[in-house]
Amino acid sequence: MTRITSEISFRELVSSGKIKGRRLQVLEDVCRNPGTTQGEVVRRITQVNPSIKERSLTPRFAELVNRGLLLEQPARDCGTTGKHAITYSFSGLATIQQQVKKPTLLTVVKVLEKIAESSGELSEKAKIALDMIDRVI
C-alpha cells in the first residue's frame, strides 16, 4: 500500500514536468505496486500497451535509482520470471532532492529526520543523504 506522503510527493513530481515518458510509466507502476520487481512492472505495462518494448523500459530502472526516485529493496522471487530479483519502491524523497540545487547541511539533517520519522529505514535513503552531504562539502 502506498503511503499518502509518497502519493503527494509523486503527484508533485509529475505536475512539475520533471519526469515523463517511459520513466514516468515505470515510476507510476512502482508507486502503485511498491515492492515490485522489474519483470512484474514490464509485464503490467506491456500488457496494457503491447507496442511498448521491454528494452525501452528496463534501462529506466537504473536511471530512476540513480536519480534517487526509486529505491532498491530486498530481493524475492519474481512473479513474472520466477527468478530471484531486486524489488523497487518509490523513494518519496524525489521532490526534496530535486527542489534543492545546492543543499545545506541543515537541509540534509531535515531530510534524515524525515526519513527516521517516516520509516526508520536508512540504508538506501541514507545513501541519498550522504550524496547530498558530499555535494555540500
Protein backbone atom coordinates (compact mmCIF):
# COMPACT_ATOMS: atom_id res chain seq x y z
CA MET A 1 0.00 0.00 0.00
CA THR A 2 1.34 3.44 -0.92
CA ARG A 3 1.71 5.95 1.89
CA ILE A 4 -0.14 9.24 1.46
CA THR A 5 3.13 11.20 1.68
CA SER A 6 4.60 9.16 -1.17
CA GLU A 7 1.46 9.75 -3.20
CA ILE A 8 1.68 13.52 -2.64
CA SER A 9 5.39 13.53 -3.47
CA PHE A 10 4.74 11.56 -6.66
CA ARG A 11 1.95 13.92 -7.77
CA GLU A 12 4.20 16.96 -7.19
CA LEU A 13 6.95 15.35 -9.24
CA VAL A 14 4.62 14.59 -12.16
CA SER A 15 2.96 18.00 -12.13
CA SER A 16 6.37 19.69 -12.18
CA GLY A 17 7.06 18.05 -15.56
CA LYS A 18 10.46 16.80 -14.39
CA ILE A 19 9.61 13.20 -15.20
CA LYS A 20 7.83 11.90 -18.29
CA GLY A 21 7.75 9.22 -20.95
CA ARG A 22 8.89 5.68 -20.12
CA ARG A 23 10.43 6.87 -16.84
CA LEU A 24 7.04 8.14 -15.77
CA GLN A 25 5.35 4.87 -16.74
CA VAL A 26 7.84 2.85 -14.68
CA LEU A 27 7.69 5.21 -11.70
CA GLU A 28 3.89 5.29 -11.81
CA ASP A 29 3.68 1.50 -11.77
CA VAL A 30 6.16 1.17 -8.90
CA CYS A 31 4.22 3.78 -6.89
CA ARG A 32 1.03 1.77 -7.36
CA ASN A 33 2.80 -1.52 -6.60
CA PRO A 34 5.57 -0.96 -4.01
CA GLY A 35 7.90 -3.91 -3.59
CA THR A 36 7.50 -4.95 -7.22
CA THR A 37 10.19 -6.42 -9.47
CA GLN A 38 11.36 -5.11 -12.82
CA GLY A 39 9.83 -8.11 -14.61
CA GLU A 40 6.44 -7.51 -12.99
CA VAL A 41 6.46 -3.81 -13.92
CA VAL A 42 7.42 -4.57 -17.53
CA ARG A 43 4.68 -7.23 -17.77
CA ARG A 44 1.97 -4.88 -16.46
CA ILE A 45 2.98 -2.00 -18.75
CA THR A 46 3.34 -4.14 -21.89
CA GLN A 47 0.03 -5.92 -21.23
CA VAL A 48 -1.75 -2.55 -21.29
CA ASN A 49 0.23 -1.34 -24.32
CA PRO A 50 1.79 -4.21 -26.35
CA SER A 51 3.56 -1.76 -28.69
CA ILE A 52 5.94 -0.81 -25.84
CA LYS A 53 9.11 -2.88 -25.99
CA GLU A 54 10.74 -4.32 -22.88
CA ARG A 55 14.07 -2.83 -23.95
CA SER A 56 12.57 0.67 -23.71
CA LEU A 57 11.57 0.09 -20.07
CA THR A 58 14.38 -1.87 -18.42
CA PRO A 59 17.06 0.87 -18.62
CA ARG A 60 14.69 3.27 -16.88
CA PHE A 61 15.07 1.40 -13.57
CA ALA A 62 18.78 2.20 -13.19
CA GLU A 63 18.14 5.79 -14.29
CA LEU A 64 15.40 6.24 -11.68
CA VAL A 65 17.55 4.64 -8.96
CA ASN A 66 20.48 6.90 -9.89
CA ARG A 67 18.21 9.97 -9.72
CA GLY A 68 17.05 8.93 -6.26
CA LEU A 69 13.47 8.36 -7.34
CA LEU A 70 13.40 4.59 -6.85
CA LEU A 71 14.89 2.56 -4.03
CA GLU A 72 16.19 -0.96 -4.46
CA GLN A 73 14.59 -3.20 -1.84
CA PRO A 74 15.24 -6.79 -0.73
CA ALA A 75 15.07 -9.38 -3.49
CA ARG A 76 12.33 -12.00 -3.80
CA ASP A 77 11.12 -14.43 -6.42
CA CYS A 78 9.63 -12.52 -9.36
CA GLY A 79 6.04 -13.39 -10.19
CA THR A 80 6.80 -12.99 -13.91
CA THR A 81 10.21 -14.57 -14.43
CA GLY A 82 10.34 -16.87 -11.39
CA LYS A 83 13.91 -15.68 -10.76
CA HIS A 84 15.16 -14.06 -7.56
CA ALA A 85 15.05 -10.34 -8.33
CA ILE A 86 15.50 -6.96 -6.64
CA THR A 87 12.28 -5.19 -5.73
CA TYR A 88 11.67 -1.45 -6.10
CA SER A 89 9.79 1.23 -4.19
CA PHE A 90 9.31 4.96 -4.71
CA SER A 91 11.76 6.89 -2.52
CA GLY A 92 9.33 9.64 -1.52
CA LEU A 93 12.32 11.98 -1.41
CA ALA A 94 12.12 12.90 -5.06
CA THR A 95 10.66 16.34 -4.60
CA ILE A 96 13.01 17.25 -1.75
CA GLN A 97 16.06 16.19 -3.72
CA GLN A 98 15.06 17.95 -6.95
CA GLN A 99 13.99 21.21 -5.30
CA VAL A 100 17.33 21.68 -3.53
CA LYS A 101 20.03 22.53 -6.04
CA LYS A 102 22.82 23.20 -3.52
CA PRO A 103 21.73 21.57 -0.28
CA THR A 104 22.91 22.88 3.04
CA LEU A 105 23.81 20.70 5.99
CA LEU A 106 20.59 21.87 7.65
CA THR A 107 18.63 20.52 4.67
CA VAL A 108 20.43 17.19 4.93
CA VAL A 109 19.67 16.99 8.65
CA LYS A 110 15.99 17.71 7.96
CA VAL A 111 15.89 15.01 5.29
CA LEU A 112 17.45 12.49 7.66
CA GLU A 113 14.94 13.43 10.39
CA LYS A 114 12.08 12.97 7.93
CA ILE A 115 13.40 9.55 6.94
CA ALA A 116 13.77 8.47 10.56
CA GLU A 117 10.23 9.66 11.39
CA SER A 118 8.60 8.02 8.39
CA SER A 119 10.13 4.57 8.38
CA GLY A 120 13.43 4.29 10.17
CA GLU A 121 14.90 2.67 7.03
CA LEU A 122 18.15 4.48 6.48
CA SER A 123 20.06 2.05 4.28
CA GLU A 124 19.29 3.22 0.72
CA LYS A 125 17.85 6.56 1.78
CA ALA A 126 20.97 7.31 3.82
CA LYS A 127 22.99 6.96 0.61
CA ILE A 128 20.93 9.77 -0.91
CA ALA A 129 21.58 11.94 2.13
CA LEU A 130 25.30 11.14 2.06
CA ASP A 131 25.41 12.11 -1.59
CA MET A 132 23.80 15.43 -0.66
CA ILE A 133 26.41 15.95 2.08
CA ASP A 134 29.22 15.23 -0.41
CA ARG A 135 27.90 17.98 -2.68
CA VAL A 136 27.90 20.45 0.23
CA ILE A 137 31.40 19.70 1.48
